[in-house]
Amino acid sequence: MKKLVAIFLTLLLFVFAGCSQSPADVTPTPDAPQNTPTAEAYVGIDINIGALKGPTGMGFSKLMTDAQNNKTANNYDIELFANPTDIPALLKKGELDIAAIPTNLAANLYNKNNGNVQLLALNTLGVLYVLENGNTVNSIKDLEGKTVYAFGKSATPEYALKYVLKQENVNCELEFFDAETLNTMAMKEEADIMLVPEPQVSIITTQNPKYRVALDFNKVWNEACDNSALLSMGCLAIRKDFAQENPKAVEKFLEEYSASVAFVISNVSEAASMIESLGIVPKAAIAKKAIPNCNIVAIYGDDMKEKTKAFLQILFESEPASIGNAVPGEDFYY
């Protein structure tokens, strides 16, 4: 009887132990049905992109490298251009879907193409600097009565410079040349004061150390407009029809482009090597020196819209033709 009682009690313990086991402790059999929904896999598309050599294209370097190694969500075909005037016709014909161009050019294309070009993101802020072979210029007021040799005729640099001079009531003579001519003039010391963009700033100060950065024009601009408008030199423009047809692909692009910009800013040496190998800037040493001064960004959405409106309004009031003789409507902003 004692043995029988012992066996009976042991069986009861096993029964109660089994009843007290929580559902979480139960391991489902391999055949048990699973109700967890699976996310639909994203399928990338082909996207044709035009980017400019120089600061406007620097943020693309990591994305271009990843695309060449098949490490991107979409299939990016990114072509580099030396001149922004080569891009508008390709956007209009649909041969480019997205393009990195001057912000005022994007507004122009919106006005001239019935709104079929939208502002997708800002990618470059102020890249202009006043260089001097000497020590007489320490504020914008010091340009009074002097001759400034400047880059950017009939483009944002000219409009921005004239706006600042007017706001600060400074009278000086302006002479405009292309970047290569200004580089040559600096080597020959034929221009004491110049307004040039990066990477020309780094090229000139490296080749002729007599030149110094006298003024950061981005700061000069902010002071002239009381920080009411962002000096947006470059942007990403997109065809509206392409954006409407491929919203998920555009979202993926913005994610990957933003990551590329973050990489360039945080990994200057590695990014500089990429920039040289891709032909965005001729020398890695110049790119390395220029990147911290290029104000490369990835600003989109409401933040982009807010920061661009006031800038385009200033350009319109200063020179209506600079943005196509009309301030873009709300549908300009993606």
C-alpha atoms as a PDB file:
ATOM      1  CA  MET A   1       0.000   0.000   0.000  1.00  0.00           C
ATOM      2  CA  LYS A   2       2.815   2.386   0.833  1.00  0.00           C
ATOM      3  CA  LYS A   3       4.306   1.775  -2.604  1.00  0.00           C
ATOM      4  CA  LEU A   4       0.930   2.313  -4.297  1.00  0.00           C
ATOM      5  CA  VAL A   5       0.356   5.606  -2.401  1.00  0.00           C
ATOM      6  CA  ALA A   6       3.801   6.829  -3.371  1.00  0.00           C
ATOM      7  CA  ILE A   7       3.184   6.077  -7.059  1.00  0.00           C
ATOM      8  CA  PHE A   8      -0.254   7.748  -6.893  1.00  0.00           C
ATOM      9  CA  LEU A   9       1.183  10.961  -5.367  1.00  0.00           C
ATOM     10  CA  THR A  10       3.942  11.070  -7.955  1.00  0.00           C
ATOM     11  CA  LEU A  11       1.390  10.867 -10.762  1.00  0.00           C
ATOM     12  CA  LEU A  12      -0.636  13.696  -9.203  1.00  0.00           C
ATOM     13  CA  LEU A  13       2.461  15.935  -9.145  1.00  0.00           C
ATOM     14  CA  PHE A  14       3.027  15.378 -12.859  1.00  0.00           C
ATOM     15  CA  VAL A  15      -0.630  16.134 -13.623  1.00  0.00           C
ATOM     16  CA  PHE A  16      -0.627  19.401 -11.662  1.00  0.00           C
ATOM     17  CA  ALA A  17       2.687  20.437 -13.144  1.00  0.00           C
ATOM     18  CA  GLY A  18       1.258  19.983 -16.615  1.00  0.00           C
ATOM     19  CA  CYS A  19      -1.881  21.981 -15.789  1.00  0.00           C
ATOM     20  CA  SER A  20       0.113  24.882 -14.355  1.00  0.00           C
ATOM     21  CA  GLN A  21       2.256  25.274 -17.479  1.00  0.00           C
ATOM     22  CA  SER A  22       1.525  28.663 -19.116  1.00  0.00           C
ATOM     23  CA  PRO A  23       0.690  28.946 -22.818  1.00  0.00           C
ATOM     24  CA  ALA A  24       3.945  30.868 -23.293  1.00  0.00           C
ATOM     25  CA  ASP A  25       5.888  27.816 -22.158  1.00  0.00           C
ATOM     26  CA  VAL A  26       4.347  25.608 -24.774  1.00  0.00           C
ATOM     27  CA  THR A  27       6.487  25.196 -27.870  1.00  0.00           C
ATOM     28  CA  PRO A  28       4.323  24.907 -30.993  1.00  0.00           C
ATOM     29  CA  THR A  29       4.853  21.900 -33.148  1.00  0.00           C
ATOM     30  CA  PRO A  30       6.444  22.501 -36.553  1.00  0.00           C
ATOM     31  CA  ASP A  31       3.071  21.989 -38.188  1.00  0.00           C
ATOM     32  CA  ALA A  32       1.290  24.625 -36.062  1.00  0.00           C
ATOM     33  CA  PRO A  33      -0.102  27.452 -38.274  1.00  0.00           C
ATOM     34  CA  GLN A  34       1.626  30.854 -37.962  1.00  0.00           C
ATOM     35  CA  ASN A  35      -0.557  33.967 -38.444  1.00  0.00           C
ATOM     36  CA  THR A  36       2.225  36.627 -38.506  1.00  0.00           C
ATOM     37  CA  PRO A  37       1.829  38.714 -41.708  1.00  0.00           C
ATOM     38  CA  THR A  38       4.926  39.020 -43.924  1.00  0.00           C
ATOM     39  CA  ALA A  39       5.860  42.409 -45.375  1.00  0.00           C
ATOM     40  CA  GLU A  40       5.816  42.612 -49.138  1.00  0.00           C
ATOM     41  CA  ALA A  41       9.367  42.841 -50.471  1.00  0.00           C
ATOM     42  CA  TYR A  42      10.268  46.125 -52.190  1.00  0.00           C
ATOM     43  CA  VAL A  43      11.242  45.791 -55.832  1.00  0.00           C
ATOM     44  CA  GLY A  44      13.591  48.535 -57.021  1.00  0.00           C
ATOM     45  CA  ILE A  45      13.171  50.450 -60.267  1.00  0.00           C
ATOM     46  CA  ASP A  46      15.542  52.153 -62.690  1.00  0.00           C
ATOM     47  CA  ILE A  47      16.114  55.843 -61.882  1.00  0.00           C
ATOM     48  CA  ASN A  48      18.138  58.128 -64.144  1.00  0.00           C
ATOM     49  CA  ILE A  49      19.878  60.934 -62.264  1.00  0.00           C
ATOM     50  CA  GLY A  50      21.938  63.916 -63.382  1.00  0.00           C
ATOM     51  CA  ALA A  51      24.441  65.383 -60.923  1.00  0.00           C
ATOM     52  CA  LEU A  52      26.851  68.277 -61.246  1.00  0.00           C
ATOM     53  CA  LYS A  53      30.564  68.080 -60.661  1.00  0.00           C
ATOM     54  CA  GLY A  54      31.580  70.014 -57.557  1.00  0.00           C
ATOM     55  CA  PRO A  55      29.671  70.544 -54.287  1.00  0.00           C
ATOM     56  CA  THR A  56      26.229  69.783 -55.741  1.00  0.00           C
ATOM     57  CA  GLY A  57      27.423  66.300 -56.682  1.00  0.00           C
ATOM     58  CA  MET A  58      29.618  65.509 -53.660  1.00  0.00           C
ATOM     59  CA  GLY A  59      26.731  64.176 -51.602  1.00  0.00           C
ATOM     60  CA  PHE A  60      26.134  61.526 -54.272  1.00  0.00           C
ATOM     61  CA  SER A  61      29.576  59.913 -53.948  1.00  0.00           C
ATOM     62  CA  LYS A  62      28.600  57.111 -51.540  1.00  0.00           C
ATOM     63  CA  LEU A  63      25.329  56.479 -53.372  1.00  0.00           C
ATOM     64  CA  MET A  64      27.140  56.286 -56.713  1.00  0.00           C
ATOM     65  CA  THR A  65      29.682  53.861 -55.279  1.00  0.00           C
ATOM     66  CA  ASP A  66      26.981  51.664 -53.748  1.00  0.00           C
ATOM     67  CA  ALA A  67      24.970  51.730 -56.976  1.00  0.00           C
ATOM     68  CA  GLN A  68      28.003  50.544 -58.951  1.00  0.00           C
ATOM     69  CA  ASN A  69      28.334  47.640 -56.505  1.00  0.00           C
ATOM     70  CA  ASN A  70      24.597  46.746 -56.633  1.00  0.00           C
ATOM     71  CA  LYS A  71      24.063  47.704 -52.990  1.00  0.00           C
ATOM     72  CA  THR A  72      21.103  50.085 -53.434  1.00  0.00           C
ATOM     73  CA  ALA A  73      17.345  49.578 -53.255  1.00  0.00           C
ATOM     74  CA  ASN A  74      16.846  51.120 -56.707  1.00  0.00           C
ATOM     75  CA  ASN A  75      18.947  50.842 -59.840  1.00  0.00           C
ATOM     76  CA  TYR A  76      20.578  54.264 -60.109  1.00  0.00           C
ATOM     77  CA  ASP A  77      22.182  55.447 -63.337  1.00  0.00           C
ATOM     78  CA  ILE A  78      23.935  58.654 -62.228  1.00  0.00           C
ATOM     79  CA  GLU A  79      25.549  60.821 -64.899  1.00  0.00           C
ATOM     80  CA  LEU A  80      27.854  63.729 -64.063  1.00  0.00           C
ATOM     81  CA  PHE A  81      27.657  67.076 -65.850  1.00  0.00           C
ATOM     82  CA  ALA A  82      30.029  70.043 -65.801  1.00  0.00           C
ATOM     83  CA  ASN A  83      27.395  72.615 -66.721  1.00  0.00           C
ATOM     84  CA  PRO A  84      23.838  72.882 -65.291  1.00  0.00           C
ATOM     85  CA  THR A  85      22.560  74.175 -68.644  1.00  0.00           C
ATOM     86  CA  ASP A  86      23.032  70.653 -70.062  1.00  0.00           C
ATOM     87  CA  ILE A  87      20.340  69.242 -67.768  1.00  0.00           C
ATOM     88  CA  PRO A  88      16.985  71.027 -68.438  1.00  0.00           C
ATOM     89  CA  ALA A  89      16.418  69.494 -71.880  1.00  0.00           C
ATOM     90  CA  LEU A  90      17.081  65.993 -70.521  1.00  0.00           C
ATOM     91  CA  LEU A  91      14.541  66.488 -67.726  1.00  0.00           C
ATOM     92  CA  LYS A  92      11.970  67.793 -70.174  1.00  0.00           C
ATOM     93  CA  LYS A  93      12.441  64.827 -72.518  1.00  0.00           C
ATOM     94  CA  GLY A  94      12.214  62.373 -69.621  1.00  0.00           C
ATOM     95  CA  GLU A  95      15.774  61.128 -70.069  1.00  0.00           C
ATOM     96  CA  LEU A  96      16.491  62.214 -66.486  1.00  0.00           C
ATOM     97  CA  ASP A  97      14.112  61.570 -63.591  1.00  0.00           C
ATOM     98  CA  ILE A  98      16.013  63.475 -60.885  1.00  0.00           C
ATOM     99  CA  ALA A  99      18.710  66.135 -61.226  1.00  0.00           C
ATOM    100  CA  ALA A 100      21.027  68.023 -58.891  1.00  0.00           C
ATOM    101  CA  ILE A 101      20.911  71.625 -60.118  1.00  0.00           C
ATOM    102  CA  PRO A 102      20.968  75.218 -58.790  1.00  0.00           C
ATOM    103  CA  THR A 103      17.816  75.954 -56.795  1.00  0.00           C
ATOM    104  CA  ASN A 104      16.869  78.978 -58.888  1.00  0.00           C
ATOM    105  CA  LEU A 105      17.118  76.808 -62.028  1.00  0.00           C
ATOM    106  CA  ALA A 106      14.612  74.364 -60.528  1.00  0.00           C
ATOM    107  CA  ALA A 107      12.171  77.251 -60.036  1.00  0.00           C
ATOM    108  CA  ASN A 108      12.809  78.336 -63.619  1.00  0.00           C
ATOM    109  CA  LEU A 109      12.060  74.859 -64.945  1.00  0.00           C
ATOM    110  CA  TYR A 110       8.865  74.675 -62.884  1.00  0.00           C
ATOM    111  CA  ASN A 111       7.641  77.920 -64.457  1.00  0.00           C
ATOM    112  CA  LYS A 112       8.668  76.924 -67.980  1.00  0.00           C
ATOM    113  CA  ASN A 113       7.349  73.345 -67.927  1.00  0.00           C
ATOM    114  CA  ASN A 114       3.809  73.824 -66.606  1.00  0.00           C
ATOM    115  CA  GLY A 115       4.794  72.702 -63.131  1.00  0.00           C
ATOM    116  CA  ASN A 116       6.218  69.340 -64.223  1.00  0.00           C
ATOM    117  CA  VAL A 117       9.463  69.960 -62.312  1.00  0.00           C
ATOM    118  CA  GLN A 118       9.284  69.882 -58.528  1.00  0.00           C
ATOM    119  CA  LEU A 119      11.718  70.642 -55.728  1.00  0.00           C
ATOM    120  CA  LEU A 120      12.536  67.289 -54.127  1.00  0.00           C
ATOM    121  CA  ALA A 121      15.234  68.334 -51.636  1.00  0.00           C
ATOM    122  CA  LEU A 122      17.864  70.936 -50.829  1.00  0.00           C
ATOM    123  CA  ASN A 123      21.330  69.454 -51.133  1.00  0.00           C
ATOM    124  CA  THR A 124      23.793  72.374 -50.991  1.00  0.00           C
ATOM    125  CA  LEU A 125      23.649  75.598 -48.993  1.00  0.00           C
ATOM    126  CA  GLY A 126      26.170  78.455 -49.149  1.00  0.00           C
ATOM    127  CA  VAL A 127      29.438  77.495 -50.844  1.00  0.00           C
ATOM    128  CA  LEU A 128      30.623  81.018 -51.706  1.00  0.00           C
ATOM    129  CA  TYR A 129      33.608  82.740 -50.107  1.00  0.00           C
ATOM    130  CA  VAL A 130      35.373  86.061 -50.612  1.00  0.00           C
ATOM    131  CA  LEU A 131      39.106  85.536 -51.092  1.00  0.00           C
ATOM    132  CA  GLU A 132      41.674  88.301 -50.784  1.00  0.00           C
ATOM    133  CA  ASN A 133      45.318  88.603 -51.639  1.00  0.00           C
ATOM    134  CA  GLY A 134      45.895  91.032 -48.781  1.00  0.00           C
ATOM    135  CA  ASN A 135      44.350  92.030 -45.467  1.00  0.00           C
ATOM    136  CA  THR A 136      41.983  94.910 -46.203  1.00  0.00           C
ATOM    137  CA  VAL A 137      38.633  93.025 -46.296  1.00  0.00           C
ATOM    138  CA  ASN A 138      37.164  91.924 -42.970  1.00  0.00           C
ATOM    139  CA  SER A 139      33.500  92.784 -43.542  1.00  0.00           C
ATOM    140  CA  ILE A 140      31.201  93.325 -46.507  1.00  0.00           C
ATOM    141  CA  LYS A 141      31.530  97.073 -45.937  1.00  0.00           C
ATOM    142  CA  ASP A 142      35.226  96.824 -46.791  1.00  0.00           C
ATOM    143  CA  LEU A 143      34.317  96.092 -50.427  1.00  0.00           C
ATOM    144  CA  GLU A 144      33.276  99.718 -50.877  1.00  0.00           C
ATOM    145  CA  GLY A 145      34.975 101.250 -53.910  1.00  0.00           C
ATOM    146  CA  LYS A 146      36.890  98.057 -54.747  1.00  0.00           C
ATOM    147  CA  THR A 147      36.694  95.645 -57.698  1.00  0.00           C
ATOM    148  CA  VAL A 148      35.387  92.148 -57.005  1.00  0.00           C
ATOM    149  CA  TYR A 149      36.121  89.406 -59.530  1.00  0.00           C
ATOM    150  CA  ALA A 150      33.234  87.003 -59.151  1.00  0.00           C
ATOM    151  CA  PHE A 151      31.942  83.636 -60.276  1.00  0.00           C
ATOM    152  CA  GLY A 152      28.331  82.979 -61.334  1.00  0.00           C
ATOM    153  CA  LYS A 153      27.139  85.465 -63.936  1.00  0.00           C
ATOM    154  CA  SER A 154      23.352  85.252 -64.459  1.00  0.00           C
ATOM    155  CA  ALA A 155      23.133  82.675 -61.669  1.00  0.00           C
ATOM    156  CA  THR A 156      22.579  82.534 -57.917  1.00  0.00           C
ATOM    157  CA  PRO A 157      26.059  83.908 -57.000  1.00  0.00           C
ATOM    158  CA  GLU A 158      25.434  87.093 -58.982  1.00  0.00           C
ATOM    159  CA  TYR A 159      21.903  87.589 -57.633  1.00  0.00           C
ATOM    160  CA  ALA A 160      22.944  86.833 -54.049  1.00  0.00           C
ATOM    161  CA  LEU A 161      25.976  89.131 -54.203  1.00  0.00           C
ATOM    162  CA  LYS A 162      23.982  92.029 -55.638  1.00  0.00           C
ATOM    163  CA  TYR A 163      21.262  91.530 -53.015  1.00  0.00           C
ATOM    164  CA  VAL A 164      23.774  91.664 -50.167  1.00  0.00           C
ATOM    165  CA  LEU A 165      25.562  94.732 -51.576  1.00  0.00           C
ATOM    166  CA  LYS A 166      22.230  96.529 -51.922  1.00  0.00           C
ATOM    167  CA  GLN A 167      21.115  95.591 -48.404  1.00  0.00           C
ATOM    168  CA  GLU A 168      24.400  96.765 -46.926  1.00  0.00           C
ATOM    169  CA  ASN A 169      24.541  99.893 -49.143  1.00  0.00           C
ATOM    170  CA  VAL A 170      27.944  98.958 -50.567  1.00  0.00           C
ATOM    171  CA  ASN A 171      29.072 100.212 -53.974  1.00  0.00           C
ATOM    172  CA  CYS A 172      31.783  98.266 -55.748  1.00  0.00           C
ATOM    173  CA  GLU A 173      32.641  97.175 -59.262  1.00  0.00           C
ATOM    174  CA  LEU A 174      31.779  93.598 -60.255  1.00  0.00           C
ATOM    175  CA  GLU A 175      33.473  91.620 -62.994  1.00  0.00           C
ATOM    176  CA  PHE A 176      32.320  88.051 -63.683  1.00  0.00           C
ATOM    177  CA  PHE A 177      34.382  85.141 -64.988  1.00  0.00           C
ATOM    178  CA  ASP A 178      34.124  81.352 -65.073  1.00  0.00           C
ATOM    179  CA  ALA A 179      35.841  79.305 -62.366  1.00  0.00           C
ATOM    180  CA  GLU A 180      38.846  78.250 -64.452  1.00  0.00           C
ATOM    181  CA  THR A 181      39.592  81.837 -65.481  1.00  0.00           C
ATOM    182  CA  LEU A 182      39.432  82.959 -61.864  1.00  0.00           C
ATOM    183  CA  ASN A 183      41.838  80.161 -60.898  1.00  0.00           C
ATOM    184  CA  THR A 184      44.282  81.352 -63.550  1.00  0.00           C
ATOM    185  CA  MET A 185      43.935  84.968 -62.448  1.00  0.00           C
ATOM    186  CA  ALA A 186      44.681  83.945 -58.875  1.00  0.00           C
ATOM    187  CA  MET A 187      47.836  82.067 -59.912  1.00  0.00           C
ATOM    188  CA  LYS A 188      49.009  85.169 -61.766  1.00  0.00           C
ATOM    189  CA  GLU A 189      47.817  87.394 -58.904  1.00  0.00           C
ATOM    190  CA  GLU A 190      45.724  89.452 -61.300  1.00  0.00           C
ATOM    191  CA  ALA A 191      42.754  89.712 -58.922  1.00  0.00           C
ATOM    192  CA  ASP A 192      43.090  90.899 -55.345  1.00  0.00           C
ATOM    193  CA  ILE A 193      39.476  90.187 -54.310  1.00  0.00           C
ATOM    194  CA  MET A 194      37.354  87.323 -55.613  1.00  0.00           C
ATOM    195  CA  LEU A 195      33.994  85.719 -54.880  1.00  0.00           C
ATOM    196  CA  VAL A 196      34.387  82.009 -55.660  1.00  0.00           C
ATOM    197  CA  PRO A 197      32.717  78.739 -54.646  1.00  0.00           C
ATOM    198  CA  GLU A 198      34.217  75.576 -53.262  1.00  0.00           C
ATOM    199  CA  PRO A 199      36.171  73.649 -54.452  1.00  0.00           C
ATOM    200  CA  GLN A 200      37.782  76.629 -56.248  1.00  0.00           C
ATOM    201  CA  VAL A 201      38.409  78.142 -52.812  1.00  0.00           C
ATOM    202  CA  SER A 202      40.479  75.120 -51.804  1.00  0.00           C
ATOM    203  CA  ILE A 203      42.243  74.971 -55.164  1.00  0.00           C
ATOM    204  CA  ILE A 204      43.262  78.637 -55.079  1.00  0.00           C
ATOM    205  CA  THR A 205      44.367  78.745 -51.440  1.00  0.00           C
ATOM    206  CA  THR A 206      46.375  75.535 -51.934  1.00  0.00           C
ATOM    207  CA  GLN A 207      48.129  76.677 -55.105  1.00  0.00           C
ATOM    208  CA  ASN A 208      48.685  80.243 -53.943  1.00  0.00           C
ATOM    209  CA  PRO A 209      48.800  80.596 -50.130  1.00  0.00           C
ATOM    210  CA  LYS A 210      48.879  84.382 -50.467  1.00  0.00           C
ATOM    211  CA  TYR A 211      45.098  84.231 -50.793  1.00  0.00           C
ATOM    212  CA  ARG A 212      43.054  83.954 -47.629  1.00  0.00           C
ATOM    213  CA  VAL A 213      39.361  83.451 -46.917  1.00  0.00           C
ATOM    214  CA  ALA A 214      38.296  86.990 -46.026  1.00  0.00           C
ATOM    215  CA  LEU A 215      34.523  86.398 -45.761  1.00  0.00           C
ATOM    216  CA  ASP A 216      32.210  83.402 -45.470  1.00  0.00           C
ATOM    217  CA  PHE A 217      29.455  84.596 -47.796  1.00  0.00           C
ATOM    218  CA  ASN A 218      26.914  82.325 -46.114  1.00  0.00           C
ATOM    219  CA  LYS A 219      27.310  84.353 -42.909  1.00  0.00           C
ATOM    220  CA  VAL A 220      27.242  87.609 -44.873  1.00  0.00           C
ATOM    221  CA  TRP A 221      23.963  86.529 -46.494  1.00  0.00           C
ATOM    222  CA  ASN A 222      22.369  85.606 -43.156  1.00  0.00           C
ATOM    223  CA  GLU A 223      23.276  88.999 -41.711  1.00  0.00           C
ATOM    224  CA  ALA A 224      21.929  90.872 -44.747  1.00  0.00           C
ATOM    225  CA  CYS A 225      18.529  89.144 -44.612  1.00  0.00           C
ATOM    226  CA  ASP A 226      18.343  88.901 -40.810  1.00  0.00           C
ATOM    227  CA  ASN A 227      18.334  85.081 -41.055  1.00  0.00           C
ATOM    228  CA  SER A 228      14.928  85.202 -42.759  1.00  0.00           C
ATOM    229  CA  ALA A 229      16.003  83.122 -45.774  1.00  0.00           C
ATOM    230  CA  LEU A 230      18.353  80.214 -46.341  1.00  0.00           C
ATOM    231  CA  LEU A 231      21.003  80.662 -49.027  1.00  0.00           C
ATOM    232  CA  SER A 232      20.172  77.557 -51.048  1.00  0.00           C
ATOM    233  CA  MET A 233      22.723  77.086 -53.789  1.00  0.00           C
ATOM    234  CA  GLY A 234      21.801  73.593 -54.948  1.00  0.00           C
ATOM    235  CA  CYS A 235      18.842  71.242 -54.889  1.00  0.00           C
ATOM    236  CA  LEU A 236      17.414  68.008 -56.228  1.00  0.00           C
ATOM    237  CA  ALA A 237      14.691  68.519 -58.824  1.00  0.00           C
ATOM    238  CA  ILE A 238      12.334  65.748 -59.918  1.00  0.00           C
ATOM    239  CA  ARG A 239       9.872  65.283 -62.752  1.00  0.00           C
ATOM    240  CA  LYS A 240       6.394  65.537 -61.256  1.00  0.00           C
ATOM    241  CA  ASP A 241       4.971  62.752 -63.409  1.00  0.00           C
ATOM    242  CA  PHE A 242       7.777  60.403 -62.363  1.00  0.00           C
ATOM    243  CA  ALA A 243       7.259  61.275 -58.684  1.00  0.00           C
ATOM    244  CA  GLN A 244       3.511  60.636 -58.872  1.00  0.00           C
ATOM    245  CA  GLU A 245       3.997  57.271 -60.559  1.00  0.00           C
ATOM    246  CA  ASN A 246       6.747  56.055 -58.210  1.00  0.00           C
ATOM    247  CA  PRO A 247       6.201  57.392 -54.672  1.00  0.00           C
ATOM    248  CA  LYS A 248       7.771  54.364 -52.953  1.00  0.00           C
ATOM    249  CA  ALA A 249      10.859  54.522 -55.162  1.00  0.00           C
ATOM    250  CA  VAL A 250      11.234  58.248 -54.422  1.00  0.00           C
ATOM    251  CA  GLU A 251      10.973  57.521 -50.698  1.00  0.00           C
ATOM    252  CA  LYS A 252      13.705  54.890 -50.985  1.00  0.00           C
ATOM    253  CA  PHE A 253      15.879  57.304 -52.967  1.00  0.00           C
ATOM    254  CA  LEU A 254      15.558  60.026 -50.322  1.00  0.00           C
ATOM    255  CA  GLU A 255      16.530  57.523 -47.625  1.00  0.00           C
ATOM    256  CA  GLU A 256      19.601  56.389 -49.548  1.00  0.00           C
ATOM    257  CA  TYR A 257      20.620  59.877 -50.622  1.00  0.00           C
ATOM    258  CA  SER A 258      20.341  61.141 -47.030  1.00  0.00           C
ATOM    259  CA  ALA A 259      22.532  58.249 -45.878  1.00  0.00           C
ATOM    260  CA  SER A 260      25.054  59.113 -48.605  1.00  0.00           C
ATOM    261  CA  VAL A 261      25.232  62.743 -47.457  1.00  0.00           C
ATOM    262  CA  ALA A 262      25.648  61.670 -43.833  1.00  0.00           C
ATOM    263  CA  PHE A 263      28.497  59.373 -44.875  1.00  0.00           C
ATOM    264  CA  VAL A 264      30.303  62.129 -46.799  1.00  0.00           C
ATOM    265  CA  ILE A 265      30.092  64.530 -43.865  1.00  0.00           C
ATOM    266  CA  SER A 266      31.225  61.947 -41.292  1.00  0.00           C
ATOM    267  CA  ASN A 267      33.882  60.160 -43.354  1.00  0.00           C
ATOM    268  CA  VAL A 268      35.693  62.985 -45.110  1.00  0.00           C
ATOM    269  CA  SER A 269      38.878  61.127 -46.097  1.00  0.00           C
ATOM    270  CA  GLU A 270      37.089  58.087 -47.502  1.00  0.00           C
ATOM    271  CA  ALA A 271      34.489  60.253 -49.231  1.00  0.00           C
ATOM    272  CA  ALA A 272      37.231  62.410 -50.759  1.00  0.00           C
ATOM    273  CA  SER A 273      38.786  59.324 -52.338  1.00  0.00           C
ATOM    274  CA  MET A 274      35.407  58.340 -53.765  1.00  0.00           C
ATOM    275  CA  ILE A 275      34.849  61.856 -55.073  1.00  0.00           C
ATOM    276  CA  GLU A 276      38.157  61.781 -56.919  1.00  0.00           C
ATOM    277  CA  SER A 277      37.635  58.303 -58.384  1.00  0.00           C
ATOM    278  CA  LEU A 278      34.152  59.258 -59.591  1.00  0.00           C
ATOM    279  CA  GLY A 279      35.403  62.468 -61.234  1.00  0.00           C
ATOM    280  CA  ILE A 280      33.289  64.817 -59.104  1.00  0.00           C
ATOM    281  CA  VAL A 281      36.427  66.756 -58.062  1.00  0.00           C
ATOM    282  CA  PRO A 282      39.830  66.170 -59.710  1.00  0.00           C
ATOM    283  CA  LYS A 283      41.897  65.547 -56.578  1.00  0.00           C
ATOM    284  CA  ALA A 284      41.063  63.821 -53.289  1.00  0.00           C
ATOM    285  CA  ALA A 285      43.237  66.302 -51.380  1.00  0.00           C
ATOM    286  CA  ILE A 286      41.165  69.203 -52.710  1.00  0.00           C
ATOM    287  CA  ALA A 287      37.895  67.385 -51.973  1.00  0.00           C
ATOM    288  CA  LYS A 288      39.048  66.625 -48.419  1.00  0.00           C
ATOM    289  CA  LYS A 289      39.831  70.285 -47.821  1.00  0.00           C
ATOM    290  CA  ALA A 290      36.584  71.467 -49.458  1.00  0.00           C
ATOM    291  CA  ILE A 291      33.976  69.105 -47.958  1.00  0.00           C
ATOM    292  CA  PRO A 292      33.723  70.836 -44.534  1.00  0.00           C
ATOM    293  CA  ASN A 293      33.062  74.164 -46.303  1.00  0.00           C
ATOM    294  CA  CYS A 294      30.528  72.933 -48.863  1.00  0.00           C
ATOM    295  CA  ASN A 295      27.440  72.888 -46.614  1.00  0.00           C
ATOM    296  CA  ILE A 296      26.222  69.585 -48.084  1.00  0.00           C
ATOM    297  CA  VAL A 297      22.747  68.748 -46.756  1.00  0.00           C
ATOM    298  CA  ALA A 298      19.666  66.622 -47.398  1.00  0.00           C
ATOM    299  CA  ILE A 299      16.652  68.735 -46.458  1.00  0.00           C
ATOM    300  CA  TYR A 300      13.201  67.747 -47.706  1.00  0.00           C
ATOM    301  CA  GLY A 301       9.528  67.866 -46.736  1.00  0.00           C
ATOM    302  CA  ASP A 302       8.082  70.783 -44.768  1.00  0.00           C
ATOM    303  CA  ASP A 303      11.526  71.908 -43.615  1.00  0.00           C
ATOM    304  CA  MET A 304      12.647  72.266 -47.237  1.00  0.00           C
ATOM    305  CA  LYS A 305       9.521  74.198 -48.172  1.00  0.00           C
ATOM    306  CA  GLU A 306       9.838  76.647 -45.289  1.00  0.00           C
ATOM    307  CA  LYS A 307      13.516  77.325 -45.930  1.00  0.00           C
ATOM    308  CA  THR A 308      13.167  77.792 -49.686  1.00  0.00           C
ATOM    309  CA  LYS A 309      10.135  80.059 -49.990  1.00  0.00           C
ATOM    310  CA  ALA A 310      11.770  83.155 -48.520  1.00  0.00           C
ATOM    311  CA  PHE A 311      14.928  82.600 -50.575  1.00  0.00           C
ATOM    312  CA  LEU A 312      13.013  82.432 -53.856  1.00  0.00           C
ATOM    313  CA  GLN A 313      11.000  85.510 -52.867  1.00  0.00           C
ATOM    314  CA  ILE A 314      14.250  87.451 -52.390  1.00  0.00           C
ATOM    315  CA  LEU A 315      15.529  86.310 -55.786  1.00  0.00           C
ATOM    316  CA  PHE A 316      12.245  87.279 -57.419  1.00  0.00           C
ATOM    317  CA  GLU A 317      12.305  90.757 -55.903  1.00  0.00           C
ATOM    318  CA  SER A 318      15.958  91.220 -56.860  1.00  0.00           C
ATOM    319  CA  GLU A 319      15.804  89.734 -60.366  1.00  0.00           C
ATOM    320  CA  PRO A 320      12.443  88.200 -61.459  1.00  0.00           C
ATOM    321  CA  ALA A 321      14.032  86.395 -64.408  1.00  0.00           C
ATOM    322  CA  SER A 322      16.306  84.480 -62.033  1.00  0.00           C
ATOM    323  CA  ILE A 323      13.429  82.142 -61.122  1.00  0.00           C
ATOM    324  CA  GLY A 324      11.357  82.357 -64.294  1.00  0.00           C
ATOM    325  CA  ASN A 325       9.500  85.644 -63.598  1.00  0.00           C
ATOM    326  CA  ALA A 326       7.131  84.125 -61.030  1.00  0.00           C
ATOM    327  CA  VAL A 327       7.326  82.747 -57.516  1.00  0.00           C
ATOM    328  CA  PRO A 328       6.531  79.000 -57.740  1.00  0.00           C
ATOM    329  CA  GLY A 329       3.195  77.778 -56.421  1.00  0.00           C
ATOM    330  CA  GLU A 330       2.626  75.316 -53.585  1.00  0.00           C
ATOM    331  CA  ASP A 331       2.797  72.346 -55.941  1.00  0.00           C
ATOM    332  CA  PHE A 332       6.460  73.182 -56.617  1.00  0.00           C
ATOM    333  CA  TYR A 333       7.370  71.493 -53.336  1.00  0.00           C
ATOM    334  CA  TYR A 334       7.364  67.696 -53.327  1.00  0.00           C
END
